[in-house]
Amino acid sequence: METSKFSKFGAEFIGTLVLVLMGCGSAVIAGANGTTGVGLLGISFAFGLSVVAMAYAIGHISGCHINPAISIGMVVAGRMKASEAVYYIIAQVLGAIAGASILFFIASGKAEYSLTAGLGQNGYAEFSPQHYSMVSGFIAETVFTFIFLLVIFGATSTKNINGGFAGLAIGLSLVLIHIVGIPVTGVSVNPARSIGPGVLVGGQAISQLWLFIAAPILGAILSAVFWRFILEKN
């Protein structure tokens, strides 16, 4: 029996909500509190574990894309129809905004919190965690998304005899990407993840969103082409 569009929309919405709430929440609530904070490694695992958890929760319903770059990559790779990807992306963006909104309401319960402190949004140049340039940020987001999609294509391939561990492999690859990439941009590799916090924070977070939309999509397209016409070509 085919899963309905409504179920897939709901799965992608709640999956992206959880990713943003838990991933960005680890940075905003638990990330930088001196000796009590989880630090870069903890934030990296929060994002990766969110993907692992959602992969096993909703993967059988929607495939657990929870990322517009993945949906676009699946279209280019010939694994998904463009018409289906459209409502996936709408669900993902709405879910990301909802997740960021919940995080804001939780964080606001602390008297000294202000939205100027951020919601785990991404940035480059002066808004990069360690002040990496726009060019560095664009290259990082493109290459990291390329690698991330490559893991997804391989882990979910029908030729992979270890497909049952796909969620774990994908989640751990996201941990790896965050360990390296957080100092550069805070790591997006997911336009929805950037849009959610960005639209709430506003200002420079919105003006820099273009990079975190364009670079992950470019990386996903390149990865899909590489996978489809080089690695998986018979």
Protein backbone atom coordinates (compact mmCIF):
# COMPACT_ATOMS: atom_id res chain seq x y z
CA MET A 1 0.00 0.00 0.00
CA GLU A 2 1.46 3.37 -1.04
CA THR A 3 2.01 5.96 1.65
CA SER A 4 -0.17 9.05 1.20
CA LYS A 5 1.24 12.48 0.36
CA PHE A 6 -0.22 13.78 3.62
CA SER A 7 1.72 11.19 5.65
CA LYS A 8 4.93 11.97 3.79
CA PHE A 9 4.39 15.71 4.29
CA GLY A 10 3.79 15.17 8.01
CA ALA A 11 6.86 12.95 8.32
CA GLU A 12 9.14 15.47 6.62
CA PHE A 13 7.66 18.30 8.69
CA ILE A 14 8.17 16.61 12.06
CA GLY A 15 11.55 15.17 11.08
CA THR A 16 12.96 18.57 10.12
CA LEU A 17 11.41 20.13 13.22
CA VAL A 18 13.26 17.63 15.41
CA LEU A 19 16.54 18.15 13.55
CA VAL A 20 16.45 21.93 14.04
CA LEU A 21 15.12 21.81 17.59
CA MET A 22 17.67 19.27 18.82
CA GLY A 23 20.62 20.22 16.63
CA CYS A 24 20.40 24.00 16.98
CA GLY A 25 19.09 23.55 20.51
CA SER A 26 22.29 21.77 21.51
CA ALA A 27 24.21 24.90 20.46
CA VAL A 28 21.84 27.46 21.98
CA ILE A 29 20.96 25.71 25.24
CA ALA A 30 23.82 23.32 25.97
CA GLY A 31 26.69 24.27 23.71
CA ALA A 32 28.72 27.05 25.29
CA ASN A 33 28.34 27.05 29.04
CA GLY A 34 31.97 26.70 30.00
CA THR A 35 32.77 23.39 31.70
CA THR A 36 29.09 22.40 31.70
CA GLY A 37 28.60 22.82 27.94
CA VAL A 38 28.63 19.95 25.47
CA GLY A 39 31.06 21.78 23.16
CA LEU A 40 31.69 21.26 19.45
CA LEU A 41 31.72 17.48 19.70
CA GLY A 42 28.42 17.41 21.57
CA ILE A 43 26.74 19.70 19.05
CA SER A 44 28.07 17.54 16.22
CA PHE A 45 26.57 14.42 17.77
CA ALA A 46 23.27 16.20 18.45
CA PHE A 47 22.81 16.86 14.74
CA GLY A 48 23.92 13.38 13.75
CA LEU A 49 21.82 11.59 16.37
CA SER A 50 18.78 13.62 15.33
CA VAL A 51 19.15 12.21 11.83
CA VAL A 52 19.67 8.67 13.14
CA ALA A 53 16.58 8.89 15.36
CA MET A 54 14.38 10.31 12.62
CA ALA A 55 15.70 7.85 10.02
CA TYR A 56 14.32 4.96 12.06
CA ALA A 57 11.19 6.87 13.08
CA ILE A 58 10.00 8.16 9.70
CA GLY A 59 12.35 6.59 7.15
CA HIS A 60 9.76 3.99 6.17
CA ILE A 61 7.19 6.74 5.57
CA SER A 62 9.03 9.42 3.60
CA GLY A 63 12.61 8.24 3.33
CA CYS A 64 13.58 10.83 5.98
CA HIS A 65 15.06 13.45 3.68
CA ILE A 66 14.42 16.34 6.13
CA ASN A 67 16.66 18.41 3.85
CA PRO A 68 15.79 20.14 0.54
CA ALA A 69 19.27 19.38 -0.81
CA ILE A 70 18.61 15.66 -0.38
CA SER A 71 15.22 15.87 -2.11
CA ILE A 72 16.75 17.79 -5.02
CA GLY A 73 19.63 15.33 -5.18
CA MET A 74 17.17 12.43 -5.33
CA VAL A 75 15.42 14.06 -8.29
CA VAL A 76 18.71 14.49 -10.16
CA ALA A 77 19.71 10.92 -9.32
CA GLY A 78 16.43 9.66 -10.78
CA ARG A 79 15.10 8.34 -7.49
CA MET A 80 12.28 10.84 -7.02
CA LYS A 81 9.81 12.83 -9.11
CA ALA A 82 10.21 16.61 -9.12
CA SER A 83 6.52 17.06 -8.27
CA GLU A 84 6.98 14.99 -5.11
CA ALA A 85 10.12 16.89 -4.14
CA VAL A 86 8.20 20.17 -4.16
CA TYR A 87 5.90 19.25 -1.29
CA TYR A 88 8.78 17.57 0.54
CA ILE A 89 10.69 20.87 0.45
CA ILE A 90 7.68 22.87 1.61
CA ALA A 91 7.24 20.51 4.56
CA GLN A 92 10.94 20.71 5.41
CA VAL A 93 11.06 24.51 5.42
CA LEU A 94 7.89 24.79 7.52
CA GLY A 95 9.20 22.14 9.91
CA ALA A 96 12.50 24.00 10.29
CA ILE A 97 10.72 27.26 11.09
CA ALA A 98 8.51 25.46 13.61
CA GLY A 99 11.54 23.83 15.24
CA ALA A 100 13.37 27.16 15.48
CA SER A 101 10.24 28.78 16.93
CA ILE A 102 9.95 26.13 19.65
CA LEU A 103 13.63 26.57 20.44
CA PHE A 104 13.14 30.32 20.73
CA PHE A 105 10.26 29.91 23.17
CA ILE A 106 12.28 27.50 25.30
CA ALA A 107 15.41 29.67 25.27
CA SER A 108 13.33 32.75 26.12
CA GLY A 109 12.53 31.17 29.47
CA LYS A 110 16.02 32.15 30.59
CA ALA A 111 16.00 35.78 31.76
CA GLU A 112 19.33 36.74 30.20
CA TYR A 113 18.55 35.20 26.79
CA SER A 114 18.04 37.54 23.86
CA LEU A 115 17.35 36.77 20.22
CA THR A 116 20.53 38.68 19.41
CA ALA A 117 22.37 35.72 20.93
CA GLY A 118 21.04 33.71 18.02
CA LEU A 119 19.30 30.40 17.38
CA GLY A 120 22.20 28.44 15.97
CA GLN A 121 21.98 30.17 12.59
CA ASN A 122 24.74 29.76 10.02
CA GLY A 123 27.09 32.53 8.90
CA TYR A 124 30.28 33.47 7.10
CA ALA A 125 32.88 36.26 7.39
CA GLU A 126 32.25 38.16 10.63
CA PHE A 127 29.32 35.85 11.41
CA SER A 128 31.37 32.67 10.98
CA PRO A 129 32.18 31.01 14.33
CA GLN A 130 35.88 31.48 13.58
CA HIS A 131 35.56 34.23 10.94
CA TYR A 132 36.11 32.17 7.79
CA SER A 133 35.52 34.02 4.52
CA MET A 134 32.53 33.75 2.21
CA VAL A 135 34.62 31.77 -0.30
CA SER A 136 35.72 29.30 2.39
CA GLY A 137 32.14 28.95 3.53
CA PHE A 138 30.82 28.33 0.03
CA ILE A 139 33.48 25.73 -0.74
CA ALA A 140 32.95 23.99 2.60
CA GLU A 141 29.17 23.83 2.26
CA THR A 142 29.39 22.55 -1.32
CA VAL A 143 31.99 19.87 -0.62
CA PHE A 144 30.46 18.75 2.67
CA THR A 145 27.03 18.38 1.04
CA PHE A 146 28.62 16.46 -1.83
CA ILE A 147 30.12 14.00 0.65
CA PHE A 148 26.91 13.80 2.70
CA LEU A 149 24.80 12.97 -0.36
CA LEU A 150 27.34 10.42 -1.53
CA VAL A 151 26.95 8.56 1.77
CA ILE A 152 23.16 8.73 1.44
CA PHE A 153 23.16 7.39 -2.12
CA GLY A 154 25.47 4.54 -1.18
CA ALA A 155 23.82 3.66 2.11
CA THR A 156 20.33 3.54 0.56
CA SER A 157 21.34 1.80 -2.66
CA THR A 158 19.47 -1.42 -3.40
CA LYS A 159 22.87 -2.97 -4.08
CA ASN A 160 24.02 -2.31 -0.52
CA ILE A 161 23.63 -5.49 1.54
CA ASN A 162 23.98 -3.45 4.74
CA GLY A 163 21.01 -1.21 3.97
CA GLY A 164 19.52 -1.78 7.42
CA PHE A 165 22.31 0.37 8.86
CA ALA A 166 21.72 3.24 6.44
CA GLY A 167 20.34 5.57 9.11
CA LEU A 168 23.36 5.01 11.31
CA ALA A 169 25.85 5.57 8.50
CA ILE A 170 24.09 8.75 7.37
CA GLY A 171 23.84 10.15 10.90
CA LEU A 172 27.49 9.44 11.69
CA SER A 173 28.59 11.07 8.43
CA LEU A 174 26.74 14.20 9.54
CA VAL A 175 28.60 14.06 12.87
CA LEU A 176 31.89 13.90 10.97
CA ILE A 177 30.94 16.85 8.78
CA HIS A 178 29.98 18.95 11.82
CA ILE A 179 33.22 18.18 13.66
CA VAL A 180 35.19 19.67 10.76
CA GLY A 181 32.72 22.32 9.58
CA ILE A 182 31.28 24.00 12.67
CA PRO A 183 34.19 26.47 12.96
CA VAL A 184 33.71 27.51 9.32
CA THR A 185 29.97 28.19 9.01
CA GLY A 186 28.28 26.39 11.89
CA VAL A 187 27.46 23.78 9.18
CA SER A 188 24.32 23.81 7.13
CA VAL A 189 24.45 21.22 4.30
CA ASN A 190 20.68 21.72 4.56
CA PRO A 191 18.86 24.84 3.33
CA ALA A 192 15.87 24.24 5.61
CA ARG A 193 18.11 23.98 8.69
CA SER A 194 19.50 27.42 7.81
CA ILE A 195 16.18 29.01 6.84
CA GLY A 196 14.45 28.08 10.11
CA PRO A 197 16.72 29.94 12.54
CA GLY A 198 17.64 32.57 9.93
CA VAL A 199 14.14 33.94 9.38
CA LEU A 200 13.55 34.25 13.12
CA VAL A 201 16.86 35.95 13.88
CA GLY A 202 16.58 38.25 10.82
CA GLY A 203 19.12 40.88 9.80
CA GLN A 204 22.44 39.51 8.61
CA ALA A 205 21.23 35.94 9.13
CA ILE A 206 18.72 36.48 6.32
CA SER A 207 21.15 38.39 4.08
CA GLN A 208 23.57 35.45 4.23
CA LEU A 209 20.97 32.73 3.65
CA TRP A 210 21.68 32.68 -0.09
CA LEU A 211 24.97 30.84 0.52
CA PHE A 212 23.34 28.18 2.69
CA ILE A 213 20.71 27.58 0.04
CA ALA A 214 22.90 27.73 -3.08
CA ALA A 215 25.98 25.82 -1.89
CA PRO A 216 24.18 22.75 -0.45
CA ILE A 217 21.98 22.50 -3.55
CA LEU A 218 25.05 22.73 -5.80
CA GLY A 219 26.83 20.08 -3.75
CA ALA A 220 23.78 17.81 -3.89
CA ILE A 221 23.44 18.14 -7.67
CA LEU A 222 27.14 17.44 -8.23
CA SER A 223 26.97 14.42 -5.94
CA ALA A 224 23.86 13.06 -7.68
CA VAL A 225 25.47 13.42 -11.10
CA PHE A 226 28.69 11.79 -9.89
CA TRP A 227 26.78 8.92 -8.28
CA ARG A 228 24.38 8.32 -11.16
CA PHE A 229 26.72 8.62 -14.12
CA ILE A 230 30.06 7.48 -12.68
CA LEU A 231 29.76 5.33 -9.56
CA GLU A 232 26.47 3.56 -10.25
CA LYS A 233 26.73 3.49 -14.04
CA ASN A 234 26.70 -0.08 -15.38
